[in-house]
Structures are given as structure tokens and as C-alpha cells.
Amino acid sequence: MAGTEKLKLREVLIEIKMSRAAFYRMRARGRAPKLIKLSNGQIRCRRTDLDAWWAKHEMSA
């Protein structure tokens, strides 16, 4: 979707206050925010996907 903010993994880790290793463990269990791989090989997370992840975790808390 054009105009959607795409965050670098480093930015996501800072926002959710998590180490890269912990994030990838969570991702392996299917519990991390959705990531996308760009054509240049870089990893990004759409702001909308991160916001949806936050909302899901706020409701389950």
C-alpha cells in the first residue's frame, strides 16, 4: 500500500523494548509483528502491522 510507513527492524526493537534475539525467538513462535522483506533484502515492518500487534497484545493483557 503506497504511503504506508515502513519501520526498520531496529526501530521496531526500540519501540517494543526488546533485543533482536528475543524478537526472533518470539517470531519463531509466530507471536511477533509481521515483517516484510524488500527486494533489496532489507527487513521492514509496516506501521499498521505493528499497531495491530500492539492492539492485540493490549486486549490479551
N, C-alpha and C. Protein backbone atom coordinates (compact mmCIF):
# COMPACT_ATOMS: atom_id res chain seq x y z
N MET A 1 0.86 -1.18 0.00
CA MET A 1 0.00 0.00 0.00
C MET A 1 0.90 1.24 0.00
N ALA A 2 0.72 2.10 -0.93
CA ALA A 2 1.53 3.30 -1.05
C ALA A 2 1.26 4.24 0.12
N GLY A 3 2.33 4.86 0.60
CA GLY A 3 2.18 5.84 1.68
C GLY A 3 2.21 5.24 3.07
N THR A 4 2.29 3.91 3.18
CA THR A 4 2.34 3.27 4.48
C THR A 4 3.77 3.33 5.00
N GLU A 5 3.92 3.80 6.23
CA GLU A 5 5.25 3.89 6.83
C GLU A 5 5.81 2.49 7.06
N LYS A 6 7.06 2.29 6.68
CA LYS A 6 7.74 1.02 6.90
C LYS A 6 8.92 1.26 7.84
N LEU A 7 8.89 0.59 8.97
CA LEU A 7 9.91 0.77 10.00
C LEU A 7 11.04 -0.24 9.82
N LYS A 8 12.25 0.19 10.10
CA LYS A 8 13.38 -0.73 10.12
C LYS A 8 13.26 -1.59 11.36
N LEU A 9 13.83 -2.79 11.30
CA LEU A 9 13.76 -3.69 12.45
C LEU A 9 14.32 -3.02 13.70
N ARG A 10 15.39 -2.29 13.57
CA ARG A 10 15.98 -1.58 14.70
C ARG A 10 14.97 -0.65 15.36
N GLU A 11 14.17 0.04 14.55
CA GLU A 11 13.15 0.95 15.07
C GLU A 11 12.06 0.19 15.81
N VAL A 12 11.69 -0.97 15.28
CA VAL A 12 10.67 -1.81 15.93
C VAL A 12 11.19 -2.28 17.28
N LEU A 13 12.44 -2.76 17.31
CA LEU A 13 13.03 -3.26 18.55
C LEU A 13 13.09 -2.18 19.62
N ILE A 14 13.41 -0.96 19.23
CA ILE A 14 13.44 0.16 20.17
C ILE A 14 12.04 0.43 20.71
N GLU A 15 11.05 0.45 19.82
CA GLU A 15 9.69 0.75 20.25
C GLU A 15 9.13 -0.31 21.19
N ILE A 16 9.39 -1.59 20.90
CA ILE A 16 8.83 -2.63 21.76
C ILE A 16 9.78 -3.02 22.89
N LYS A 17 10.93 -2.35 22.94
CA LYS A 17 11.91 -2.56 24.02
C LYS A 17 12.30 -4.03 24.15
N MET A 18 12.84 -4.55 23.06
CA MET A 18 13.18 -5.97 23.01
C MET A 18 14.49 -6.15 22.25
N SER A 19 15.27 -7.13 22.66
CA SER A 19 16.51 -7.43 21.95
C SER A 19 16.19 -8.14 20.64
N ARG A 20 17.14 -8.11 19.75
CA ARG A 20 16.97 -8.79 18.45
C ARG A 20 16.78 -10.29 18.67
N ALA A 21 17.57 -10.88 19.57
CA ALA A 21 17.47 -12.32 19.83
C ALA A 21 16.09 -12.68 20.37
N ALA A 22 15.59 -11.90 21.33
CA ALA A 22 14.26 -12.16 21.90
C ALA A 22 13.18 -12.00 20.84
N PHE A 23 13.34 -11.00 19.98
CA PHE A 23 12.37 -10.79 18.91
C PHE A 23 12.31 -12.00 17.98
N TYR A 24 13.48 -12.51 17.58
CA TYR A 24 13.49 -13.65 16.67
C TYR A 24 12.98 -14.92 17.33
N ARG A 25 13.17 -15.08 18.65
CA ARG A 25 12.56 -16.22 19.35
C ARG A 25 11.04 -16.10 19.31
N MET A 26 10.54 -14.88 19.55
CA MET A 26 9.11 -14.64 19.51
C MET A 26 8.58 -14.86 18.09
N ARG A 27 9.33 -14.44 17.11
CA ARG A 27 8.94 -14.61 15.70
C ARG A 27 8.86 -16.09 15.34
N ALA A 28 9.79 -16.89 15.84
CA ALA A 28 9.80 -18.33 15.57
C ALA A 28 8.54 -19.00 16.13
N ARG A 29 7.99 -18.43 17.20
CA ARG A 29 6.76 -18.96 17.79
C ARG A 29 5.51 -18.36 17.15
N GLY A 30 5.69 -17.48 16.16
CA GLY A 30 4.55 -16.87 15.48
C GLY A 30 3.87 -15.77 16.27
N ARG A 31 4.60 -15.14 17.18
CA ARG A 31 3.99 -14.13 18.05
C ARG A 31 4.54 -12.72 17.84
N ALA A 32 5.34 -12.53 16.83
CA ALA A 32 5.94 -11.22 16.56
C ALA A 32 5.12 -10.46 15.52
N PRO A 33 5.32 -9.15 15.45
CA PRO A 33 4.67 -8.38 14.38
C PRO A 33 5.11 -8.90 13.02
N LYS A 34 4.24 -8.78 12.05
CA LYS A 34 4.52 -9.24 10.69
C LYS A 34 5.64 -8.40 10.08
N LEU A 35 6.59 -9.07 9.44
CA LEU A 35 7.68 -8.40 8.75
C LEU A 35 7.56 -8.62 7.25
N ILE A 36 8.14 -7.71 6.49
CA ILE A 36 8.20 -7.87 5.03
C ILE A 36 9.65 -7.76 4.60
N LYS A 37 10.01 -8.48 3.56
CA LYS A 37 11.36 -8.41 3.02
C LYS A 37 11.30 -7.64 1.71
N LEU A 38 12.07 -6.58 1.63
CA LEU A 38 12.10 -5.75 0.43
C LEU A 38 12.95 -6.42 -0.65
N SER A 39 12.82 -5.96 -1.86
CA SER A 39 13.56 -6.55 -2.99
C SER A 39 15.08 -6.45 -2.82
N ASN A 40 15.54 -5.49 -2.01
CA ASN A 40 16.97 -5.36 -1.77
C ASN A 40 17.44 -6.21 -0.59
N GLY A 41 16.54 -7.02 -0.02
CA GLY A 41 16.89 -7.92 1.06
C GLY A 41 16.69 -7.35 2.46
N GLN A 42 16.37 -6.07 2.56
CA GLN A 42 16.17 -5.46 3.87
C GLN A 42 14.81 -5.86 4.45
N ILE A 43 14.75 -5.89 5.78
CA ILE A 43 13.54 -6.26 6.50
C ILE A 43 12.85 -5.00 7.00
N ARG A 44 11.53 -4.95 6.86
CA ARG A 44 10.75 -3.81 7.35
C ARG A 44 9.47 -4.33 8.01
N CYS A 45 8.87 -3.46 8.80
CA CYS A 45 7.58 -3.74 9.42
C CYS A 45 6.68 -2.56 9.12
N ARG A 46 5.53 -2.84 8.55
CA ARG A 46 4.58 -1.74 8.29
C ARG A 46 4.07 -1.20 9.61
N ARG A 47 3.92 0.10 9.70
CA ARG A 47 3.39 0.75 10.91
C ARG A 47 2.03 0.16 11.26
N THR A 48 1.20 -0.10 10.25
CA THR A 48 -0.13 -0.64 10.51
C THR A 48 -0.04 -2.04 11.14
N ASP A 49 0.93 -2.87 10.69
CA ASP A 49 1.10 -4.21 11.26
C ASP A 49 1.58 -4.12 12.71
N LEU A 50 2.48 -3.19 12.99
CA LEU A 50 2.98 -3.02 14.36
C LEU A 50 1.86 -2.50 15.26
N ASP A 51 1.08 -1.56 14.78
CA ASP A 51 -0.04 -1.04 15.58
C ASP A 51 -1.07 -2.13 15.87
N ALA A 52 -1.33 -3.00 14.88
CA ALA A 52 -2.28 -4.11 15.08
C ALA A 52 -1.71 -5.09 16.11
N TRP A 53 -0.42 -5.34 16.07
CA TRP A 53 0.23 -6.22 17.05
C TRP A 53 0.09 -5.65 18.45
N TRP A 54 0.34 -4.34 18.59
CA TRP A 54 0.17 -3.67 19.89
C TRP A 54 -1.27 -3.83 20.39
N ALA A 55 -2.23 -3.58 19.52
CA ALA A 55 -3.64 -3.66 19.90
C ALA A 55 -4.00 -5.07 20.36
N LYS A 56 -3.51 -6.07 19.67
CA LYS A 56 -3.79 -7.46 20.02
C LYS A 56 -3.23 -7.77 21.41
N HIS A 57 -2.04 -7.29 21.69
CA HIS A 57 -1.42 -7.56 22.98
C HIS A 57 -2.03 -6.76 24.11
N GLU A 58 -2.55 -5.60 23.81
CA GLU A 58 -3.24 -4.80 24.84
C GLU A 58 -4.53 -5.49 25.25
N MET A 59 -5.24 -6.08 24.30
CA MET A 59 -6.51 -6.74 24.60
C MET A 59 -6.30 -8.02 25.40
N SER A 60 -5.20 -8.74 25.14
CA SER A 60 -4.98 -10.02 25.81
C SER A 60 -4.33 -9.86 27.18
N ALA A 61 -3.93 -8.67 27.51
CA ALA A 61 -3.24 -8.46 28.80
C ALA A 61 -4.23 -8.41 29.96
